Amino acid sequence: MTGFGRAEGALGDWSWAVEARSVNGRNLEVRYKGPPGFEALERAARDGAQARFQRGQLQVGVQARRAEGAVAVRVNTDQVARYLALGAPLIAEGRVSPPSWDGLLALRGVIEADDALLDPEAQAALEAAIAASIGVALDGLAAARAEEGAQLQGVLAGHVDRIAALADQARAVASGQPAAIKARFEARLKELAGEAASEERIIQEAAALAVKADVREELDRLSGHVDSARGLLAQGAAVGRRLDFLTQEFMREANTLCSKSQVAGLTAIGLDLKAVIEQFREQVQNVE
């Protein structure tokens, strides 16, 4: 969900530039920064973002300036007199040097610019023009995100294929769990009893353990989640949140698979599954 969009415009003696950028985010969060006097544009930025996006942390910035000569500048002599009066005792005592003219001009309130005096009609027209540029910048951001999403679809599909392949491998390896459990239980009984246990008891106890170690249900759910993921990726719509949820379900089944595993091969597959699912989760954060 990363991207960038920019638009520029001009009206009368005003010119401006709008930049919109985004990074990953579970939900939609819009931050606006603009020049003083144009606070109303924040609504245009938020409404425009909500109409185009569902997820991501967006920043919309507006820079606007008025042409030189269009702004009346004057020196506030009363403010200069106040600063001089405040500093006079310190100067007389020799504690500070007399101020320079450059220093006085840099003090707050000495230079005044009458650049905010627009009539309501002109202000409304200017805000409407800048709001249109905000829309153009957001359209550019949306196009950039769509391009990134098209490239990402193949990556996500590859991860899903890998999950499906590992689930198939796990199914094949899991078929050998009952025999491994039986052999392990038989060896344990002989170790504890000091003599061979009856075949019937070994089979009964091994069967009980095999039921607890049965991973067919988890593997069936994994296959179902794979089908769901492929269906979502084929939609071409905003499916990021649903893929987020699906990732949690993938990881839940992989964790259970590892906890039920009784053979090293199945544990290794479960760990590989968790690694691929984590890679899938990281990429899903880029999906609208």
Protein backbone atom coordinates (compact mmCIF):
# COMPACT_ATOMS: atom_id res chain seq x y z
CA MET A 1 0.00 0.00 0.00
CA THR A 2 2.89 2.33 -0.56
CA GLY A 3 2.64 4.97 -3.25
CA PHE A 4 2.98 8.63 -4.15
CA GLY A 5 0.94 11.19 -6.05
CA ARG A 6 1.54 14.86 -6.83
CA ALA A 7 -0.43 17.69 -8.40
CA GLU A 8 0.23 21.40 -8.96
CA GLY A 9 -2.04 24.30 -9.75
CA ALA A 10 -2.41 28.06 -9.89
CA LEU A 11 -5.20 30.62 -9.66
CA GLY A 12 -4.69 34.35 -9.84
CA ASP A 13 -1.62 35.29 -7.83
CA TRP A 14 -1.65 31.98 -5.94
CA SER A 15 0.18 28.76 -6.80
CA TRP A 16 0.30 25.47 -4.94
CA ALA A 17 1.55 21.89 -4.91
CA VAL A 18 -0.15 18.87 -3.36
CA GLU A 19 1.63 15.63 -2.42
CA ALA A 20 -0.12 12.45 -1.28
CA ARG A 21 1.80 9.41 -0.05
CA SER A 22 0.93 6.25 1.83
CA VAL A 23 2.53 3.42 3.78
CA ASN A 24 1.11 0.18 5.15
CA GLY A 25 -1.64 0.30 7.74
CA ARG A 26 -4.27 -2.13 9.00
CA ASN A 27 -6.96 0.56 8.78
CA LEU A 28 -7.28 3.87 6.95
CA GLU A 29 -5.59 6.80 8.67
CA VAL A 30 -5.36 10.20 6.97
CA ARG A 31 -3.10 13.04 8.09
CA TYR A 32 -3.33 16.48 6.53
CA LYS A 33 -0.88 19.34 6.63
CA GLY A 34 -1.59 22.63 4.90
CA PRO A 35 -0.92 26.38 5.05
CA PRO A 36 -2.57 28.63 7.66
CA GLY A 37 -5.98 29.85 6.60
CA PHE A 38 -6.79 26.75 4.55
CA GLU A 39 -7.94 24.41 7.33
CA ALA A 40 -11.15 23.67 5.41
CA LEU A 41 -9.08 21.64 2.90
CA GLU A 42 -8.57 18.92 5.49
CA ARG A 43 -12.15 17.78 4.88
CA ALA A 44 -11.47 17.50 1.14
CA ALA A 45 -8.37 15.41 1.85
CA ARG A 46 -10.17 13.06 4.24
CA ASP A 47 -13.27 12.64 2.08
CA GLY A 48 -11.15 12.07 -1.02
CA ALA A 49 -9.03 9.44 0.72
CA GLN A 50 -12.03 7.60 2.15
CA ALA A 51 -13.64 7.49 -1.30
CA ARG A 52 -10.55 5.84 -2.83
CA PHE A 53 -8.91 3.72 -0.14
CA GLN A 54 -9.77 1.34 2.67
CA ARG A 55 -6.39 0.77 4.30
CA GLY A 56 -3.07 2.53 4.77
CA GLN A 57 -1.53 5.48 6.55
CA LEU A 58 -1.93 8.45 4.21
CA GLN A 59 -0.26 11.84 4.36
CA VAL A 60 -1.67 14.69 2.30
CA GLY A 61 0.39 17.89 2.23
CA VAL A 62 -0.48 21.21 0.61
CA GLN A 63 2.01 24.01 0.02
CA ALA A 64 0.57 27.29 -1.24
CA ARG A 65 2.20 30.68 -1.86
CA ARG A 66 1.19 34.05 -3.13
CA ALA A 67 3.16 35.80 -5.85
CA GLU A 68 5.66 38.44 -4.79
CA GLY A 69 4.16 41.91 -4.98
CA ALA A 70 0.70 40.59 -4.20
CA VAL A 71 1.37 40.77 -0.47
CA ALA A 72 1.52 44.10 1.34
CA VAL A 73 4.38 44.21 3.87
CA ARG A 74 4.87 46.85 6.55
CA VAL A 75 6.94 47.46 9.67
CA ASN A 76 5.02 47.65 12.93
CA THR A 77 6.79 50.65 14.46
CA ASP A 78 4.76 50.41 17.64
CA GLN A 79 6.09 46.91 18.21
CA VAL A 80 9.65 48.13 17.54
CA ALA A 81 9.17 50.87 20.14
CA ARG A 82 8.01 48.31 22.70
CA TYR A 83 11.09 46.14 22.15
CA LEU A 84 13.38 49.17 22.44
CA ALA A 85 11.68 50.31 25.64
CA LEU A 86 12.02 46.87 27.19
CA GLY A 87 15.72 46.70 26.35
CA ALA A 88 16.64 50.29 27.26
CA PRO A 89 17.40 49.59 30.99
CA LEU A 90 19.66 46.67 30.09
CA ILE A 91 21.48 48.76 27.49
CA ALA A 92 21.94 51.63 29.99
CA GLU A 93 23.46 49.24 32.52
CA GLY A 94 25.85 47.90 29.89
CA ARG A 95 24.48 44.39 30.22
CA VAL A 96 23.57 44.10 26.51
CA SER A 97 24.61 45.84 23.32
CA PRO A 98 22.23 48.12 21.43
CA PRO A 99 20.17 46.12 18.94
CA SER A 100 20.85 46.24 15.21
CA TRP A 101 18.13 47.01 12.72
CA ASP A 102 18.43 43.51 11.25
CA GLY A 103 17.95 42.06 14.71
CA LEU A 104 14.86 44.16 15.34
CA LEU A 105 13.28 43.13 12.04
CA ALA A 106 13.71 39.47 12.97
CA LEU A 107 11.68 39.86 16.17
CA ARG A 108 8.17 38.52 16.25
CA GLY A 109 5.46 40.96 15.21
CA VAL A 110 7.79 43.58 13.68
CA ILE A 111 7.17 42.56 10.06
CA GLU A 112 3.50 42.24 9.13
CA ALA A 113 2.12 40.84 5.88
CA ASP A 114 -1.49 41.38 4.84
CA ASP A 115 -1.70 38.14 2.88
CA ALA A 116 -4.80 36.68 4.49
CA LEU A 117 -7.25 39.32 3.37
CA LEU A 118 -9.23 37.49 0.69
CA ASP A 119 -12.91 38.16 0.21
CA PRO A 120 -15.14 35.13 0.88
CA GLU A 121 -15.86 34.51 -2.82
CA ALA A 122 -12.19 34.54 -3.77
CA GLN A 123 -11.30 32.33 -0.80
CA ALA A 124 -13.98 29.80 -1.80
CA ALA A 125 -12.77 29.71 -5.41
CA LEU A 126 -9.17 29.22 -4.30
CA GLU A 127 -10.09 26.41 -1.89
CA ALA A 128 -12.15 24.68 -4.59
CA ALA A 129 -9.22 24.79 -7.01
CA ILE A 130 -6.79 23.39 -4.43
CA ALA A 131 -9.34 20.71 -3.46
CA ALA A 132 -9.43 19.62 -7.11
CA SER A 133 -5.65 19.28 -7.06
CA ILE A 134 -5.94 17.17 -3.91
CA GLY A 135 -8.20 14.84 -5.87
CA VAL A 136 -5.68 14.63 -8.70
CA ALA A 137 -2.87 13.80 -6.27
CA LEU A 138 -5.00 11.11 -4.62
CA ASP A 139 -5.82 9.65 -8.05
CA GLY A 140 -2.09 9.45 -8.74
CA LEU A 141 -1.56 7.73 -5.42
CA ALA A 142 -4.33 5.25 -6.20
CA ALA A 143 -2.76 4.46 -9.58
CA ALA A 144 0.63 3.87 -7.95
CA ARG A 145 -0.90 1.55 -5.38
CA ALA A 146 -2.81 -0.34 -8.06
CA GLU A 147 0.40 -0.89 -10.02
CA GLU A 148 2.14 -2.19 -6.92
CA GLY A 149 -0.84 -4.47 -6.22
CA ALA A 150 -0.69 -5.97 -9.72
CA GLN A 151 2.95 -6.89 -9.18
CA LEU A 152 2.20 -8.23 -5.72
CA GLN A 153 -0.57 -10.59 -6.85
CA GLY A 154 1.92 -13.03 -8.39
CA VAL A 155 4.01 -13.03 -5.21
CA LEU A 156 1.00 -13.80 -3.03
CA ALA A 157 -0.21 -16.50 -5.39
CA GLY A 158 3.22 -18.11 -5.20
CA HIS A 159 3.05 -18.18 -1.40
CA VAL A 160 -0.41 -19.78 -1.52
CA ASP A 161 0.84 -22.43 -3.95
CA ARG A 162 3.72 -23.17 -1.59
CA ILE A 163 1.31 -23.54 1.35
CA ALA A 164 -0.80 -25.95 -0.71
CA ALA A 165 2.24 -28.02 -1.66
CA LEU A 166 3.42 -28.24 1.96
CA ALA A 167 -0.06 -29.30 3.07
CA ASP A 168 0.04 -32.12 0.51
CA GLN A 169 3.46 -33.18 1.80
CA ALA A 170 2.16 -33.11 5.37
CA ARG A 171 -0.76 -35.33 4.41
CA ALA A 172 1.61 -37.93 2.95
CA VAL A 173 3.95 -37.86 5.94
CA ALA A 174 1.09 -37.89 8.46
CA SER A 175 -0.10 -41.25 7.14
CA GLY A 176 2.93 -42.80 8.83
CA GLN A 177 2.17 -41.39 12.27
CA PRO A 178 0.08 -44.37 13.58
CA ALA A 179 2.91 -46.85 12.88
CA ALA A 180 5.47 -44.55 14.52
CA ILE A 181 3.24 -44.12 17.56
CA LYS A 182 2.74 -47.89 17.84
CA ALA A 183 6.49 -48.56 17.66
CA ARG A 184 7.26 -45.86 20.19
CA PHE A 185 4.60 -47.06 22.60
CA GLU A 186 5.74 -50.68 22.31
CA ALA A 187 9.32 -49.71 23.09
CA ARG A 188 8.18 -47.66 26.06
CA LEU A 189 6.08 -50.48 27.50
CA LYS A 190 8.97 -52.91 27.22
CA GLU A 191 11.21 -50.41 28.94
CA LEU A 192 8.79 -49.93 31.84
CA ALA A 193 7.52 -53.50 32.22
CA GLY A 194 10.75 -55.25 31.48
CA GLU A 195 8.96 -57.71 29.29
CA ALA A 196 7.07 -57.73 26.05
CA ALA A 197 3.59 -56.28 26.30
CA SER A 198 0.63 -57.95 24.66
CA GLU A 199 -0.02 -56.97 21.06
CA GLU A 200 -3.62 -56.15 21.94
CA ARG A 201 -2.67 -53.63 24.61
CA ILE A 202 -0.08 -52.02 22.36
CA ILE A 203 -2.66 -51.61 19.61
CA GLN A 204 -5.26 -50.15 22.01
CA GLU A 205 -2.90 -47.61 23.54
CA ALA A 206 -1.36 -46.68 20.21
CA ALA A 207 -4.82 -46.20 18.70
CA ALA A 208 -5.78 -43.82 21.52
CA LEU A 209 -2.64 -41.76 20.96
CA ALA A 210 -3.13 -41.82 17.20
CA VAL A 211 -6.57 -40.27 17.59
CA LYS A 212 -5.05 -37.39 19.55
CA ALA A 213 -2.32 -37.03 16.92
CA ASP A 214 -4.72 -37.14 13.94
CA VAL A 215 -4.02 -34.05 11.78
CA ARG A 216 -6.43 -34.76 8.94
CA GLU A 217 -8.87 -32.12 10.16
CA GLU A 218 -6.15 -29.46 10.25
CA LEU A 219 -4.95 -30.41 6.78
CA ASP A 220 -8.51 -30.30 5.43
CA ARG A 221 -8.94 -26.82 6.86
CA LEU A 222 -5.62 -25.75 5.37
CA SER A 223 -6.82 -26.91 1.95
CA GLY A 224 -10.04 -24.95 2.43
CA HIS A 225 -8.10 -21.82 3.38
CA VAL A 226 -5.94 -22.23 0.27
CA ASP A 227 -9.08 -22.29 -1.90
CA SER A 228 -10.40 -19.18 -0.11
CA ALA A 229 -7.11 -17.33 -0.60
CA ARG A 230 -7.04 -18.12 -4.29
CA GLY A 231 -10.62 -16.93 -4.63
CA LEU A 232 -9.85 -13.63 -2.90
CA LEU A 233 -6.76 -13.01 -5.02
CA ALA A 234 -8.80 -13.60 -8.17
CA GLN A 235 -11.38 -10.96 -7.21
CA GLY A 236 -9.15 -7.97 -7.88
CA ALA A 237 -11.00 -5.98 -5.21
CA ALA A 238 -10.09 -4.62 -1.78
CA VAL A 239 -9.48 -7.90 0.09
CA GLY A 240 -6.64 -6.97 2.41
CA ARG A 241 -8.59 -7.30 5.64
CA ARG A 242 -10.02 -10.69 4.66
CA LEU A 243 -6.56 -11.90 3.73
CA ASP A 244 -5.36 -10.69 7.13
CA PHE A 245 -7.96 -12.88 8.81
CA LEU A 246 -7.14 -15.81 6.54
CA THR A 247 -3.47 -15.51 7.47
CA GLN A 248 -4.39 -15.94 11.13
CA GLU A 249 -6.32 -19.09 10.25
CA PHE A 250 -3.38 -20.44 8.24
CA MET A 251 -1.08 -19.92 11.21
CA ARG A 252 -3.54 -21.50 13.64
CA GLU A 253 -3.63 -24.74 11.64
CA ALA A 254 0.16 -24.78 11.20
CA ASN A 255 0.67 -24.39 14.96
CA THR A 256 -1.75 -27.21 15.71
CA LEU A 257 -0.04 -29.38 13.11
CA CYS A 258 3.30 -28.89 14.85
CA SER A 259 1.83 -29.58 18.31
CA LYS A 260 0.23 -32.85 17.14
CA SER A 261 3.24 -34.05 15.20
CA GLN A 262 4.79 -37.33 16.34
CA VAL A 263 7.40 -37.64 13.60
CA ALA A 264 10.30 -35.35 12.76
CA GLY A 265 9.33 -35.09 9.09
CA LEU A 266 5.90 -33.69 9.90
CA THR A 267 7.36 -31.22 12.39
CA ALA A 268 9.79 -29.98 9.73
CA ILE A 269 6.94 -29.46 7.28
CA GLY A 270 4.96 -27.61 9.94
CA LEU A 271 7.88 -25.26 10.57
CA ASP A 272 8.25 -24.64 6.82
CA LEU A 273 4.53 -23.89 6.67
CA LYS A 274 4.85 -21.31 9.44
CA ALA A 275 7.74 -19.62 7.63
CA VAL A 276 5.81 -19.37 4.35
CA ILE A 277 2.69 -18.14 6.13
CA GLU A 278 4.74 -15.43 7.83
CA GLN A 279 6.08 -14.33 4.43
CA PHE A 280 2.50 -14.31 3.15
CA ARG A 281 1.40 -12.21 6.13
CA GLU A 282 4.12 -9.62 5.51
CA GLN A 283 3.06 -9.20 1.88
CA VAL A 284 -0.63 -9.04 2.76
CA GLN A 285 0.10 -5.80 4.62
CA ASN A 286 0.61 -4.25 1.17
CA VAL A 287 -2.86 -5.25 -0.03
CA GLU A 288 -5.72 -2.78 -0.14
